[in-house]
Amino acid sequence: MIVLDTPTQIEAFRLRTLLKGLKLETMGMKMSRGASCYQIVKEDFGFKGNKQKVYEQFKQLLNKEGLA
């Protein structure tokens, strides 16, 4: 079993989860009752556009960082 216990590992897991949630939201599904992944990513990273464009920008950012 893998344990993610450092702040870097936890943040990387959070970003990957947001990416997967945003992909589901582009297909019409909801990730949770609270704020959407789309809303969180837009606020945290300042991306603009519709869900698909924000997903592509976020995926590109995570690929550049080696996290996707």
N, C-alpha and C. Protein backbone atom coordinates (compact mmCIF):
# COMPACT_ATOMS: atom_id res chain seq x y z
N MET A 1 0.84 -1.16 0.00
CA MET A 1 0.00 0.00 0.00
C MET A 1 0.90 1.24 0.00
N ILE A 2 0.50 2.24 -0.76
CA ILE A 2 1.25 3.49 -0.85
C ILE A 2 0.65 4.50 0.11
N VAL A 3 1.51 5.18 0.86
CA VAL A 3 1.07 6.20 1.79
C VAL A 3 1.58 7.55 1.29
N LEU A 4 0.66 8.47 1.08
CA LEU A 4 1.03 9.83 0.68
C LEU A 4 0.99 10.69 1.93
N ASP A 5 2.17 10.99 2.48
CA ASP A 5 2.17 11.71 3.75
C ASP A 5 2.97 13.01 3.74
N THR A 6 3.60 13.34 2.64
CA THR A 6 4.30 14.62 2.58
C THR A 6 3.39 15.65 1.91
N PRO A 7 3.56 16.92 2.24
CA PRO A 7 2.73 17.95 1.61
C PRO A 7 2.80 17.94 0.09
N THR A 8 3.95 17.65 -0.47
CA THR A 8 4.10 17.60 -1.93
C THR A 8 3.29 16.47 -2.53
N GLN A 9 3.33 15.30 -1.91
CA GLN A 9 2.56 14.15 -2.40
C GLN A 9 1.06 14.40 -2.28
N ILE A 10 0.64 15.01 -1.19
CA ILE A 10 -0.77 15.29 -0.98
C ILE A 10 -1.28 16.29 -2.01
N GLU A 11 -0.51 17.34 -2.28
CA GLU A 11 -0.91 18.34 -3.27
C GLU A 11 -0.95 17.73 -4.67
N ALA A 12 0.01 16.87 -5.00
CA ALA A 12 0.01 16.21 -6.31
C ALA A 12 -1.24 15.34 -6.47
N PHE A 13 -1.62 14.62 -5.42
CA PHE A 13 -2.82 13.80 -5.46
C PHE A 13 -4.06 14.67 -5.64
N ARG A 14 -4.11 15.80 -4.95
CA ARG A 14 -5.23 16.74 -5.07
C ARG A 14 -5.38 17.25 -6.50
N LEU A 15 -4.25 17.61 -7.11
CA LEU A 15 -4.28 18.13 -8.48
C LEU A 15 -4.74 17.06 -9.47
N ARG A 16 -4.27 15.82 -9.29
CA ARG A 16 -4.70 14.74 -10.17
C ARG A 16 -6.20 14.46 -10.01
N THR A 17 -6.67 14.53 -8.76
CA THR A 17 -8.10 14.33 -8.50
C THR A 17 -8.93 15.42 -9.15
N LEU A 18 -8.47 16.66 -9.08
CA LEU A 18 -9.17 17.76 -9.74
C LEU A 18 -9.22 17.55 -11.25
N LEU A 19 -8.13 17.07 -11.83
CA LEU A 19 -8.10 16.81 -13.27
C LEU A 19 -9.13 15.75 -13.65
N LYS A 20 -9.16 14.65 -12.91
CA LYS A 20 -10.12 13.58 -13.21
C LYS A 20 -11.56 14.07 -13.00
N GLY A 21 -11.79 14.85 -11.93
CA GLY A 21 -13.12 15.38 -11.68
C GLY A 21 -13.56 16.35 -12.76
N LEU A 22 -12.64 17.17 -13.22
CA LEU A 22 -12.95 18.11 -14.29
C LEU A 22 -13.28 17.37 -15.58
N LYS A 23 -12.58 16.27 -15.83
CA LYS A 23 -12.89 15.47 -17.03
C LYS A 23 -14.31 14.93 -16.94
N LEU A 24 -14.70 14.43 -15.77
CA LEU A 24 -16.06 13.93 -15.58
C LEU A 24 -17.08 15.05 -15.77
N GLU A 25 -16.75 16.24 -15.29
CA GLU A 25 -17.66 17.37 -15.42
C GLU A 25 -17.83 17.79 -16.88
N THR A 26 -16.80 17.63 -17.69
CA THR A 26 -16.94 17.95 -19.12
C THR A 26 -17.88 16.97 -19.80
N MET A 27 -18.04 15.78 -19.21
CA MET A 27 -18.96 14.77 -19.76
C MET A 27 -20.37 14.89 -19.19
N GLY A 28 -20.57 15.84 -18.28
CA GLY A 28 -21.90 16.07 -17.74
C GLY A 28 -22.15 15.51 -16.36
N MET A 29 -21.15 14.94 -15.73
CA MET A 29 -21.33 14.37 -14.39
C MET A 29 -20.95 15.38 -13.32
N LYS A 30 -21.40 15.15 -12.10
CA LYS A 30 -21.04 16.00 -10.97
C LYS A 30 -20.08 15.23 -10.07
N MET A 31 -19.06 15.92 -9.60
CA MET A 31 -18.08 15.29 -8.72
C MET A 31 -18.54 15.30 -7.26
N SER A 32 -19.16 16.41 -6.82
CA SER A 32 -19.58 16.51 -5.43
C SER A 32 -20.70 17.53 -5.29
N ARG A 33 -21.19 17.68 -4.07
CA ARG A 33 -22.23 18.66 -3.80
C ARG A 33 -21.68 20.07 -3.67
N GLY A 34 -20.46 20.20 -3.23
CA GLY A 34 -19.85 21.51 -3.00
C GLY A 34 -19.42 22.18 -4.29
N ALA A 35 -18.33 22.91 -4.20
CA ALA A 35 -17.79 23.60 -5.38
C ALA A 35 -17.36 22.58 -6.42
N SER A 36 -17.59 22.90 -7.68
CA SER A 36 -17.21 22.00 -8.76
C SER A 36 -15.70 22.07 -8.98
N CYS A 37 -15.16 21.04 -9.59
CA CYS A 37 -13.74 21.01 -9.93
C CYS A 37 -13.43 22.16 -10.89
N TYR A 38 -14.36 22.43 -11.79
CA TYR A 38 -14.22 23.53 -12.74
C TYR A 38 -14.04 24.85 -12.00
N GLN A 39 -14.87 25.09 -11.00
CA GLN A 39 -14.80 26.32 -10.23
C GLN A 39 -13.49 26.40 -9.43
N ILE A 40 -13.08 25.31 -8.82
CA ILE A 40 -11.85 25.29 -8.02
C ILE A 40 -10.64 25.56 -8.89
N VAL A 41 -10.56 24.91 -10.05
CA VAL A 41 -9.41 25.08 -10.95
C VAL A 41 -9.36 26.52 -11.47
N LYS A 42 -10.52 27.06 -11.85
CA LYS A 42 -10.54 28.44 -12.35
C LYS A 42 -10.07 29.42 -11.27
N GLU A 43 -10.52 29.23 -10.03
CA GLU A 43 -10.13 30.13 -8.95
C GLU A 43 -8.65 29.98 -8.59
N ASP A 44 -8.17 28.74 -8.49
CA ASP A 44 -6.79 28.49 -8.06
C ASP A 44 -5.76 28.87 -9.12
N PHE A 45 -6.09 28.67 -10.39
CA PHE A 45 -5.09 28.87 -11.45
C PHE A 45 -5.40 30.02 -12.38
N GLY A 46 -6.58 30.61 -12.27
CA GLY A 46 -6.92 31.78 -13.07
C GLY A 46 -7.19 31.49 -14.53
N PHE A 47 -7.57 30.25 -14.84
CA PHE A 47 -7.90 29.91 -16.22
C PHE A 47 -9.23 30.54 -16.61
N LYS A 48 -9.39 30.78 -17.89
CA LYS A 48 -10.64 31.34 -18.41
C LYS A 48 -11.14 30.45 -19.53
N GLY A 49 -12.46 30.42 -19.71
CA GLY A 49 -13.05 29.65 -20.79
C GLY A 49 -14.08 28.67 -20.27
N ASN A 50 -14.59 27.84 -21.19
CA ASN A 50 -15.57 26.84 -20.81
C ASN A 50 -14.87 25.64 -20.18
N LYS A 51 -15.65 24.65 -19.76
CA LYS A 51 -15.08 23.49 -19.05
C LYS A 51 -14.03 22.76 -19.89
N GLN A 52 -14.30 22.59 -21.17
CA GLN A 52 -13.36 21.86 -22.03
C GLN A 52 -12.04 22.61 -22.16
N LYS A 53 -12.10 23.93 -22.35
CA LYS A 53 -10.88 24.72 -22.50
C LYS A 53 -10.08 24.75 -21.20
N VAL A 54 -10.78 24.87 -20.07
CA VAL A 54 -10.10 24.86 -18.77
C VAL A 54 -9.46 23.50 -18.53
N TYR A 55 -10.16 22.42 -18.90
CA TYR A 55 -9.61 21.07 -18.77
C TYR A 55 -8.31 20.93 -19.57
N GLU A 56 -8.32 21.39 -20.81
CA GLU A 56 -7.12 21.28 -21.66
C GLU A 56 -5.97 22.10 -21.09
N GLN A 57 -6.25 23.31 -20.61
CA GLN A 57 -5.20 24.15 -20.02
C GLN A 57 -4.63 23.51 -18.76
N PHE A 58 -5.50 22.97 -17.93
CA PHE A 58 -5.07 22.35 -16.67
C PHE A 58 -4.27 21.08 -16.94
N LYS A 59 -4.73 20.28 -17.90
CA LYS A 59 -4.01 19.06 -18.27
C LYS A 59 -2.62 19.39 -18.80
N GLN A 60 -2.55 20.43 -19.63
CA GLN A 60 -1.26 20.86 -20.17
C GLN A 60 -0.32 21.32 -19.05
N LEU A 61 -0.85 22.05 -18.07
CA LEU A 61 -0.05 22.50 -16.94
C LEU A 61 0.48 21.32 -16.14
N LEU A 62 -0.38 20.34 -15.86
CA LEU A 62 0.06 19.18 -15.08
C LEU A 62 1.05 18.32 -15.86
N ASN A 63 0.88 18.23 -17.18
CA ASN A 63 1.85 17.50 -18.00
C ASN A 63 3.21 18.19 -17.95
N LYS A 64 3.21 19.50 -17.98
CA LYS A 64 4.47 20.25 -17.93
C LYS A 64 5.17 20.03 -16.59
N GLU A 65 4.37 19.92 -15.52
CA GLU A 65 4.93 19.70 -14.18
C GLU A 65 5.24 18.23 -13.93
N GLY A 66 4.83 17.35 -14.84
CA GLY A 66 5.08 15.93 -14.68
C GLY A 66 4.13 15.25 -13.71
N LEU A 67 2.93 15.79 -13.55
CA LEU A 67 1.99 15.23 -12.59
C LEU A 67 0.83 14.49 -13.23
N ALA A 68 0.59 14.68 -14.52
CA ALA A 68 -0.60 14.06 -15.13
C ALA A 68 -0.32 12.69 -15.65
